[in-house]
Amino acid sequence: MTRQGFFAKLQRMEHDIQRFEDKLNHFVTLFARLRTENNELRQSVASKSDEVKRLAEKLDQARTRIEALIAQLPESESERS
């Protein structure tokens, strides 16, 4: 291999290494952003789960109160016969 051929090959290798480094930096940045987003989504899911549990408890309390009120209603004329 001539000296000129060697330097041409070296330049191509340096270019390939730079492209690889750029892609690697892009993926590292993307990974960090996705990790942050994932953590935010986990927190959101936990918060929504707590809210669903709280609303289910309120619904159960309302159902109990409605059932108690229905039980207190007087019988209608048609139900007595």
PDB file of N, CA and C in Angstrom:
ATOM      1  N   MET A   1       0.851  -1.167   0.000  1.00  0.00           N
ATOM      2  CA  MET A   1       0.000   0.000   0.000  1.00  0.00           C
ATOM      3  C   MET A   1       0.897   1.230   0.000  1.00  0.00           C
ATOM      4  N   THR A   2       0.521   2.141  -0.833  1.00  0.00           N
ATOM      5  CA  THR A   2       1.319   3.365  -0.910  1.00  0.00           C
ATOM      6  C   THR A   2       0.976   4.261   0.270  1.00  0.00           C
ATOM      7  N   ARG A   3       1.830   5.219   0.460  1.00  0.00           N
ATOM      8  CA  ARG A   3       1.621   6.178   1.551  1.00  0.00           C
ATOM      9  C   ARG A   3       0.327   6.966   1.324  1.00  0.00           C
ATOM     10  N   GLN A   4       0.073   7.334   0.081  1.00  0.00           N
ATOM     11  CA  GLN A   4      -1.122   8.087  -0.254  1.00  0.00           C
ATOM     12  C   GLN A   4      -2.374   7.225  -0.024  1.00  0.00           C
ATOM     13  N   GLY A   5      -2.297   5.958  -0.392  1.00  0.00           N
ATOM     14  CA  GLY A   5      -3.417   5.030  -0.179  1.00  0.00           C
ATOM     15  C   GLY A   5      -3.689   4.827   1.303  1.00  0.00           C
ATOM     16  N   PHE A   6      -2.617   4.758   2.081  1.00  0.00           N
ATOM     17  CA  PHE A   6      -2.749   4.593   3.520  1.00  0.00           C
ATOM     18  C   PHE A   6      -3.486   5.785   4.140  1.00  0.00           C
ATOM     19  N   PHE A   7      -3.078   7.010   3.748  1.00  0.00           N
ATOM     20  CA  PHE A   7      -3.709   8.201   4.313  1.00  0.00           C
ATOM     21  C   PHE A   7      -5.172   8.334   3.867  1.00  0.00           C
ATOM     22  N   ALA A   8      -5.466   7.900   2.653  1.00  0.00           N
ATOM     23  CA  ALA A   8      -6.853   7.937   2.173  1.00  0.00           C
ATOM     24  C   ALA A   8      -7.709   6.977   2.998  1.00  0.00           C
ATOM     25  N   LYS A   9      -7.146   5.796   3.246  1.00  0.00           N
ATOM     26  CA  LYS A   9      -7.871   4.816   4.054  1.00  0.00           C
ATOM     27  C   LYS A   9      -8.037   5.320   5.486  1.00  0.00           C
ATOM     28  N   LEU A  10      -7.027   5.942   6.013  1.00  0.00           N
ATOM     29  CA  LEU A  10      -7.072   6.502   7.365  1.00  0.00           C
ATOM     30  C   LEU A  10      -8.149   7.586   7.458  1.00  0.00           C
ATOM     31  N   GLN A  11      -8.255   8.416   6.447  1.00  0.00           N
ATOM     32  CA  GLN A  11      -9.282   9.460   6.440  1.00  0.00           C
ATOM     33  C   GLN A  11     -10.690   8.854   6.428  1.00  0.00           C
ATOM     34  N   ARG A  12     -10.871   7.809   5.625  1.00  0.00           N
ATOM     35  CA  ARG A  12     -12.174   7.130   5.587  1.00  0.00           C
ATOM     36  C   ARG A  12     -12.494   6.522   6.949  1.00  0.00           C
ATOM     37  N   MET A  13     -11.521   5.941   7.590  1.00  0.00           N
ATOM     38  CA  MET A  13     -11.726   5.355   8.914  1.00  0.00           C
ATOM     39  C   MET A  13     -12.093   6.438   9.937  1.00  0.00           C
ATOM     40  N   GLU A  14     -11.394   7.558   9.871  1.00  0.00           N
ATOM     41  CA  GLU A  14     -11.695   8.651  10.788  1.00  0.00           C
ATOM     42  C   GLU A  14     -13.114   9.174  10.546  1.00  0.00           C
ATOM     43  N   HIS A  15     -13.504   9.247   9.281  1.00  0.00           N
ATOM     44  CA  HIS A  15     -14.860   9.672   8.946  1.00  0.00           C
ATOM     45  C   HIS A  15     -15.889   8.677   9.497  1.00  0.00           C
ATOM     46  N   ASP A  16     -15.623   7.388   9.326  1.00  0.00           N
ATOM     47  CA  ASP A  16     -16.522   6.357   9.843  1.00  0.00           C
ATOM     48  C   ASP A  16     -16.607   6.413  11.369  1.00  0.00           C
ATOM     49  N   ILE A  17     -15.492   6.622  12.013  1.00  0.00           N
ATOM     50  CA  ILE A  17     -15.467   6.723  13.471  1.00  0.00           C
ATOM     51  C   ILE A  17     -16.279   7.942  13.926  1.00  0.00           C
ATOM     52  N   GLN A  18     -16.140   9.051  13.214  1.00  0.00           N
ATOM     53  CA  GLN A  18     -16.899  10.259  13.560  1.00  0.00           C
ATOM     54  C   GLN A  18     -18.400  10.021  13.394  1.00  0.00           C
ATOM     55  N   ARG A  19     -18.781   9.367  12.312  1.00  0.00           N
ATOM     56  CA  ARG A  19     -20.203   9.046  12.102  1.00  0.00           C
ATOM     57  C   ARG A  19     -20.716   8.142  13.208  1.00  0.00           C
ATOM     58  N   PHE A  20     -19.926   7.151  13.582  1.00  0.00           N
ATOM     59  CA  PHE A  20     -20.305   6.247  14.661  1.00  0.00           C
ATOM     60  C   PHE A  20     -20.452   7.018  15.980  1.00  0.00           C
ATOM     61  N   GLU A  21     -19.529   7.908  16.248  1.00  0.00           N
ATOM     62  CA  GLU A  21     -19.577   8.715  17.468  1.00  0.00           C
ATOM     63  C   GLU A  21     -20.828   9.608  17.477  1.00  0.00           C
ATOM     64  N   ASP A  22     -21.147  10.191  16.339  1.00  0.00           N
ATOM     65  CA  ASP A  22     -22.349  11.023  16.237  1.00  0.00           C
ATOM     66  C   ASP A  22     -23.613  10.209  16.502  1.00  0.00           C
ATOM     67  N   LYS A  23     -23.683   9.028  15.914  1.00  0.00           N
ATOM     68  CA  LYS A  23     -24.841   8.163  16.135  1.00  0.00           C
ATOM     69  C   LYS A  23     -24.924   7.727  17.596  1.00  0.00           C
ATOM     70  N   LEU A  24     -23.790   7.396  18.161  1.00  0.00           N
ATOM     71  CA  LEU A  24     -23.757   6.979  19.563  1.00  0.00           C
ATOM     72  C   LEU A  24     -24.234   8.116  20.471  1.00  0.00           C
ATOM     73  N   ASN A  25     -23.768   9.332  20.212  1.00  0.00           N
ATOM     74  CA  ASN A  25     -24.218  10.488  20.997  1.00  0.00           C
ATOM     75  C   ASN A  25     -25.727  10.692  20.854  1.00  0.00           C
ATOM     76  N   HIS A  26     -26.232  10.515  19.641  1.00  0.00           N
ATOM     77  CA  HIS A  26     -27.665  10.639  19.409  1.00  0.00           C
ATOM     78  C   HIS A  26     -28.438   9.613  20.239  1.00  0.00           C
ATOM     79  N   PHE A  27     -27.977   8.374  20.236  1.00  0.00           N
ATOM     80  CA  PHE A  27     -28.658   7.322  20.988  1.00  0.00           C
ATOM     81  C   PHE A  27     -28.573   7.542  22.495  1.00  0.00           C
ATOM     82  N   VAL A  28     -27.455   8.038  22.965  1.00  0.00           N
ATOM     83  CA  VAL A  28     -27.314   8.335  24.400  1.00  0.00           C
ATOM     84  C   VAL A  28     -28.298   9.439  24.792  1.00  0.00           C
ATOM     85  N   THR A  29     -28.396  10.465  23.973  1.00  0.00           N
ATOM     86  CA  THR A  29     -29.347  11.551  24.231  1.00  0.00           C
ATOM     87  C   THR A  29     -30.782  11.028  24.210  1.00  0.00           C
ATOM     88  N   LEU A  30     -31.092  10.219  23.213  1.00  0.00           N
ATOM     89  CA  LEU A  30     -32.422   9.641  23.092  1.00  0.00           C
ATOM     90  C   LEU A  30     -32.727   8.750  24.294  1.00  0.00           C
ATOM     91  N   PHE A  31     -31.772   7.949  24.711  1.00  0.00           N
ATOM     92  CA  PHE A  31     -31.950   7.067  25.867  1.00  0.00           C
ATOM     93  C   PHE A  31     -32.270   7.882  27.123  1.00  0.00           C
ATOM     94  N   ALA A  32     -31.531   8.953  27.349  1.00  0.00           N
ATOM     95  CA  ALA A  32     -31.754   9.791  28.528  1.00  0.00           C
ATOM     96  C   ALA A  32     -33.146  10.425  28.481  1.00  0.00           C
ATOM     97  N   ARG A  33     -33.546  10.901  27.321  1.00  0.00           N
ATOM     98  CA  ARG A  33     -34.867  11.518  27.178  1.00  0.00           C
ATOM     99  C   ARG A  33     -35.972  10.494  27.417  1.00  0.00           C
ATOM    100  N   LEU A  34     -35.814   9.288  26.868  1.00  0.00           N
ATOM    101  CA  LEU A  34     -36.823   8.248  27.047  1.00  0.00           C
ATOM    102  C   LEU A  34     -36.875   7.753  28.493  1.00  0.00           C
ATOM    103  N   ARG A  35     -35.739   7.715  29.148  1.00  0.00           N
ATOM    104  CA  ARG A  35     -35.715   7.321  30.557  1.00  0.00           C
ATOM    105  C   ARG A  35     -36.494   8.337  31.396  1.00  0.00           C
ATOM    106  N   THR A  36     -36.279   9.620  31.129  1.00  0.00           N
ATOM    107  CA  THR A  36     -37.005  10.678  31.850  1.00  0.00           C
ATOM    108  C   THR A  36     -38.498  10.567  31.577  1.00  0.00           C
ATOM    109  N   GLU A  37     -38.855  10.387  30.309  1.00  0.00           N
ATOM    110  CA  GLU A  37     -40.267  10.254  29.949  1.00  0.00           C
ATOM    111  C   GLU A  37     -40.885   9.035  30.616  1.00  0.00           C
ATOM    112  N   ASN A  38     -40.158   7.944  30.658  1.00  0.00           N
ATOM    113  CA  ASN A  38     -40.646   6.718  31.287  1.00  0.00           C
ATOM    114  C   ASN A  38     -40.911   6.950  32.775  1.00  0.00           C
ATOM    115  N   ASN A  39     -39.999   7.631  33.455  1.00  0.00           N
ATOM    116  CA  ASN A  39     -40.189   7.928  34.878  1.00  0.00           C
ATOM    117  C   ASN A  39     -41.415   8.811  35.087  1.00  0.00           C
ATOM    118  N   GLU A  40     -41.586   9.805  34.225  1.00  0.00           N
ATOM    119  CA  GLU A  40     -42.759  10.680  34.323  1.00  0.00           C
ATOM    120  C   GLU A  40     -44.047   9.885  34.102  1.00  0.00           C
ATOM    121  N   LEU A  41     -44.028   8.981  33.142  1.00  0.00           N
ATOM    122  CA  LEU A  41     -45.219   8.166  32.881  1.00  0.00           C
ATOM    123  C   LEU A  41     -45.515   7.221  34.048  1.00  0.00           C
ATOM    124  N   ARG A  42     -44.480   6.681  34.660  1.00  0.00           N
ATOM    125  CA  ARG A  42     -44.681   5.818  35.837  1.00  0.00           C
ATOM    126  C   ARG A  42     -45.339   6.600  36.969  1.00  0.00           C
ATOM    127  N   GLN A  43     -44.872   7.822  37.191  1.00  0.00           N
ATOM    128  CA  GLN A  43     -45.461   8.663  38.233  1.00  0.00           C
ATOM    129  C   GLN A  43     -46.913   8.991  37.896  1.00  0.00           C
ATOM    130  N   SER A  44     -47.180   9.272  36.643  1.00  0.00           N
ATOM    131  CA  SER A  44     -48.535   9.582  36.212  1.00  0.00           C
ATOM    132  C   SER A  44     -49.460   8.382  36.407  1.00  0.00           C
ATOM    133  N   VAL A  45     -48.990   7.207  36.059  1.00  0.00           N
ATOM    134  CA  VAL A  45     -49.789   5.988  36.230  1.00  0.00           C
ATOM    135  C   VAL A  45     -50.077   5.755  37.714  1.00  0.00           C
ATOM    136  N   ALA A  46     -49.079   5.937  38.555  1.00  0.00           N
ATOM    137  CA  ALA A  46     -49.279   5.761  39.991  1.00  0.00           C
ATOM    138  C   ALA A  46     -50.312   6.756  40.511  1.00  0.00           C
ATOM    139  N   SER A  47     -50.213   7.988  40.067  1.00  0.00           N
ATOM    140  CA  SER A  47     -51.160   9.018  40.480  1.00  0.00           C
ATOM    141  C   SER A  47     -52.569   8.674  40.011  1.00  0.00           C
ATOM    142  N   LYS A  48     -52.696   8.244  38.769  1.00  0.00           N
ATOM    143  CA  LYS A  48     -54.010   7.880  38.236  1.00  0.00           C
ATOM    144  C   LYS A  48     -54.570   6.660  38.965  1.00  0.00           C
ATOM    145  N   SER A  49     -53.731   5.726  39.328  1.00  0.00           N
ATOM    146  CA  SER A  49     -54.186   4.550  40.072  1.00  0.00           C
ATOM    147  C   SER A  49     -54.745   4.965  41.427  1.00  0.00           C
ATOM    148  N   ASP A  50     -54.064   5.880  42.083  1.00  0.00           N
ATOM    149  CA  ASP A  50     -54.556   6.393  43.366  1.00  0.00           C
ATOM    150  C   ASP A  50     -55.901   7.094  43.182  1.00  0.00           C
ATOM    151  N   GLU A  51     -56.018   7.868  42.114  1.00  0.00           N
ATOM    152  CA  GLU A  51     -57.262   8.581  41.845  1.00  0.00           C
ATOM    153  C   GLU A  51     -58.400   7.602  41.557  1.00  0.00           C
ATOM    154  N   VAL A  52     -58.133   6.569  40.787  1.00  0.00           N
ATOM    155  CA  VAL A  52     -59.149   5.560  40.486  1.00  0.00           C
ATOM    156  C   VAL A  52     -59.603   4.876  41.777  1.00  0.00           C
ATOM    157  N   LYS A  53     -58.654   4.558  42.641  1.00  0.00           N
ATOM    158  CA  LYS A  53     -58.994   3.916  43.919  1.00  0.00           C
ATOM    159  C   LYS A  53     -59.875   4.841  44.759  1.00  0.00           C
ATOM    160  N   ARG A  54     -59.518   6.121  44.830  1.00  0.00           N
ATOM    161  CA  ARG A  54     -60.288   7.095  45.604  1.00  0.00           C
ATOM    162  C   ARG A  54     -61.702   7.233  45.032  1.00  0.00           C
ATOM    163  N   LEU A  55     -61.812   7.309  43.712  1.00  0.00           N
ATOM    164  CA  LEU A  55     -63.125   7.440  43.080  1.00  0.00           C
ATOM    165  C   LEU A  55     -63.971   6.175  43.263  1.00  0.00           C
ATOM    166  N   ALA A  56     -63.346   5.022  43.238  1.00  0.00           N
ATOM    167  CA  ALA A  56     -64.072   3.769  43.459  1.00  0.00           C
ATOM    168  C   ALA A  56     -64.630   3.736  44.884  1.00  0.00           C
ATOM    169  N   GLU A  57     -63.854   4.224  45.850  1.00  0.00           N
ATOM    170  CA  GLU A  57     -64.328   4.287  47.234  1.00  0.00           C
ATOM    171  C   GLU A  57     -65.515   5.242  47.355  1.00  0.00           C
ATOM    172  N   LYS A  58     -65.428   6.397  46.683  1.00  0.00           N
ATOM    173  CA  LYS A  58     -66.539   7.354  46.705  1.00  0.00           C
ATOM    174  C   LYS A  58     -67.781   6.745  46.062  1.00  0.00           C
ATOM    175  N   LEU A  59     -67.610   6.040  44.978  1.00  0.00           N
ATOM    176  CA  LEU A  59     -68.722   5.394  44.296  1.00  0.00           C
ATOM    177  C   LEU A  59     -69.362   4.348  45.196  1.00  0.00           C
ATOM    178  N   ASP A  60     -68.557   3.578  45.884  1.00  0.00           N
ATOM    179  CA  ASP A  60     -69.070   2.567  46.805  1.00  0.00           C
ATOM    180  C   ASP A  60     -69.856   3.222  47.945  1.00  0.00           C
ATOM    181  N   GLN A  61     -69.339   4.328  48.480  1.00  0.00           N
ATOM    182  CA  GLN A  61     -70.051   5.049  49.535  1.00  0.00           C
ATOM    183  C   GLN A  61     -71.384   5.584  49.018  1.00  0.00           C
ATOM    184  N   ALA A  62     -71.392   6.138  47.823  1.00  0.00           N
ATOM    185  CA  ALA A  62     -72.629   6.656  47.233  1.00  0.00           C
ATOM    186  C   ALA A  62     -73.627   5.526  47.014  1.00  0.00           C
ATOM    187  N   ARG A  63     -73.165   4.389  46.551  1.00  0.00           N
ATOM    188  CA  ARG A  63     -74.042   3.234  46.325  1.00  0.00           C
ATOM    189  C   ARG A  63     -74.674   2.794  47.644  1.00  0.00           C
ATOM    190  N   THR A  64     -73.868   2.744  48.690  1.00  0.00           N
ATOM    191  CA  THR A  64     -74.370   2.350  50.010  1.00  0.00           C
ATOM    192  C   THR A  64     -75.433   3.331  50.494  1.00  0.00           C
ATOM    193  N   ARG A  65     -75.179   4.630  50.324  1.00  0.00           N
ATOM    194  CA  ARG A  65     -76.152   5.641  50.754  1.00  0.00           C
ATOM    195  C   ARG A  65     -77.449   5.540  49.951  1.00  0.00           C
ATOM    196  N   ILE A  66     -77.343   5.321  48.644  1.00  0.00           N
ATOM    197  CA  ILE A  66     -78.532   5.203  47.802  1.00  0.00           C
ATOM    198  C   ILE A  66     -79.340   3.967  48.187  1.00  0.00           C
ATOM    199  N   GLU A  67     -78.649   2.863  48.433  1.00  0.00           N
ATOM    200  CA  GLU A  67     -79.346   1.640  48.847  1.00  0.00           C
ATOM    201  C   GLU A  67     -80.065   1.849  50.171  1.00  0.00           C
ATOM    202  N   ALA A  68     -79.443   2.589  51.095  1.00  0.00           N
ATOM    203  CA  ALA A  68     -80.079   2.873  52.384  1.00  0.00           C
ATOM    204  C   ALA A  68     -81.309   3.761  52.186  1.00  0.00           C
ATOM    205  N   LEU A  69     -81.207   4.742  51.304  1.00  0.00           N
ATOM    206  CA  LEU A  69     -82.353   5.608  51.037  1.00  0.00           C
ATOM    207  C   LEU A  69     -83.499   4.834  50.382  1.00  0.00           C
ATOM    208  N   ILE A  70     -83.160   3.964  49.450  1.00  0.00           N
ATOM    209  CA  ILE A  70     -84.185   3.140  48.789  1.00  0.00           C
ATOM    210  C   ILE A  70     -84.885   2.254  49.803  1.00  0.00           C
ATOM    211  N   ALA A  71     -84.131   1.706  50.739  1.00  0.00           N
ATOM    212  CA  ALA A  71     -84.718   0.842  51.767  1.00  0.00           C
ATOM    213  C   ALA A  71     -85.690   1.617  52.651  1.00  0.00           C
ATOM    214  N   GLN A  72     -85.515   2.917  52.782  1.00  0.00           N
ATOM    215  CA  GLN A  72     -86.392   3.734  53.627  1.00  0.00           C
ATOM    216  C   GLN A  72     -87.662   4.178  52.907  1.00  0.00           C
ATOM    217  N   LEU A  73     -87.711   4.032  51.595  1.00  0.00           N
ATOM    218  CA  LEU A  73     -88.897   4.451  50.839  1.00  0.00           C
ATOM    219  C   LEU A  73     -90.090   3.578  51.220  1.00  0.00           C
ATOM    220  N   PRO A  74     -91.252   4.193  51.365  1.00  0.00           N
ATOM    221  CA  PRO A  74     -92.458   3.392  51.658  1.00  0.00           C
ATOM    222  C   PRO A  74     -92.840   2.547  50.446  1.00  0.00           C
ATOM    223  N   GLU A  75     -93.509   1.453  50.710  1.00  0.00           N
ATOM    224  CA  GLU A  75     -93.953   0.596  49.622  1.00  0.00           C
ATOM    225  C   GLU A  75     -95.055   1.316  48.860  1.00  0.00           C
ATOM    226  N   SER A  76     -95.108   1.085  47.564  1.00  0.00           N
ATOM    227  CA  SER A  76     -96.174   1.682  46.757  1.00  0.00           C
ATOM    228  C   SER A  76     -97.425   0.819  46.887  1.00  0.00           C
ATOM    229  N   GLU A  77     -98.572   1.337  46.487  1.00  0.00           N
ATOM    230  CA  GLU A  77     -99.846   0.623  46.572  1.00  0.00           C
ATOM    231  C   GLU A  77     -99.806  -0.684  45.793  1.00  0.00           C
ATOM    232  N   SER A  78     -99.170  -0.664  44.609  1.00  0.00           N
ATOM    233  CA  SER A  78     -99.135  -1.873  43.775  1.00  0.00           C
ATOM    234  C   SER A  78     -98.272  -2.964  44.390  1.00  0.00           C
ATOM    235  N   GLU A  79     -97.269  -2.589  45.178  1.00  0.00           N
ATOM    236  CA  GLU A  79     -96.400  -3.605  45.788  1.00  0.00           C
ATOM    237  C   GLU A  79     -97.071  -4.237  46.993  1.00  0.00           C
ATOM    238  N   ARG A  80     -98.012  -3.570  47.642  1.00  0.00           N
ATOM    239  CA  ARG A  80     -98.703  -4.112  48.820  1.00  0.00           C
ATOM    240  C   ARG A  80     -99.706  -5.208  48.448  1.00  0.00           C
ATOM    241  N   SER A  81    -100.236  -5.178  47.258  1.00  0.00           N
ATOM    242  CA  SER A  81    -101.282  -6.123  46.857  1.00  0.00           C
ATOM    243  C   SER A  81    -100.768  -7.479  46.547  1.00  0.00           C
TER     244      SER A  81
END
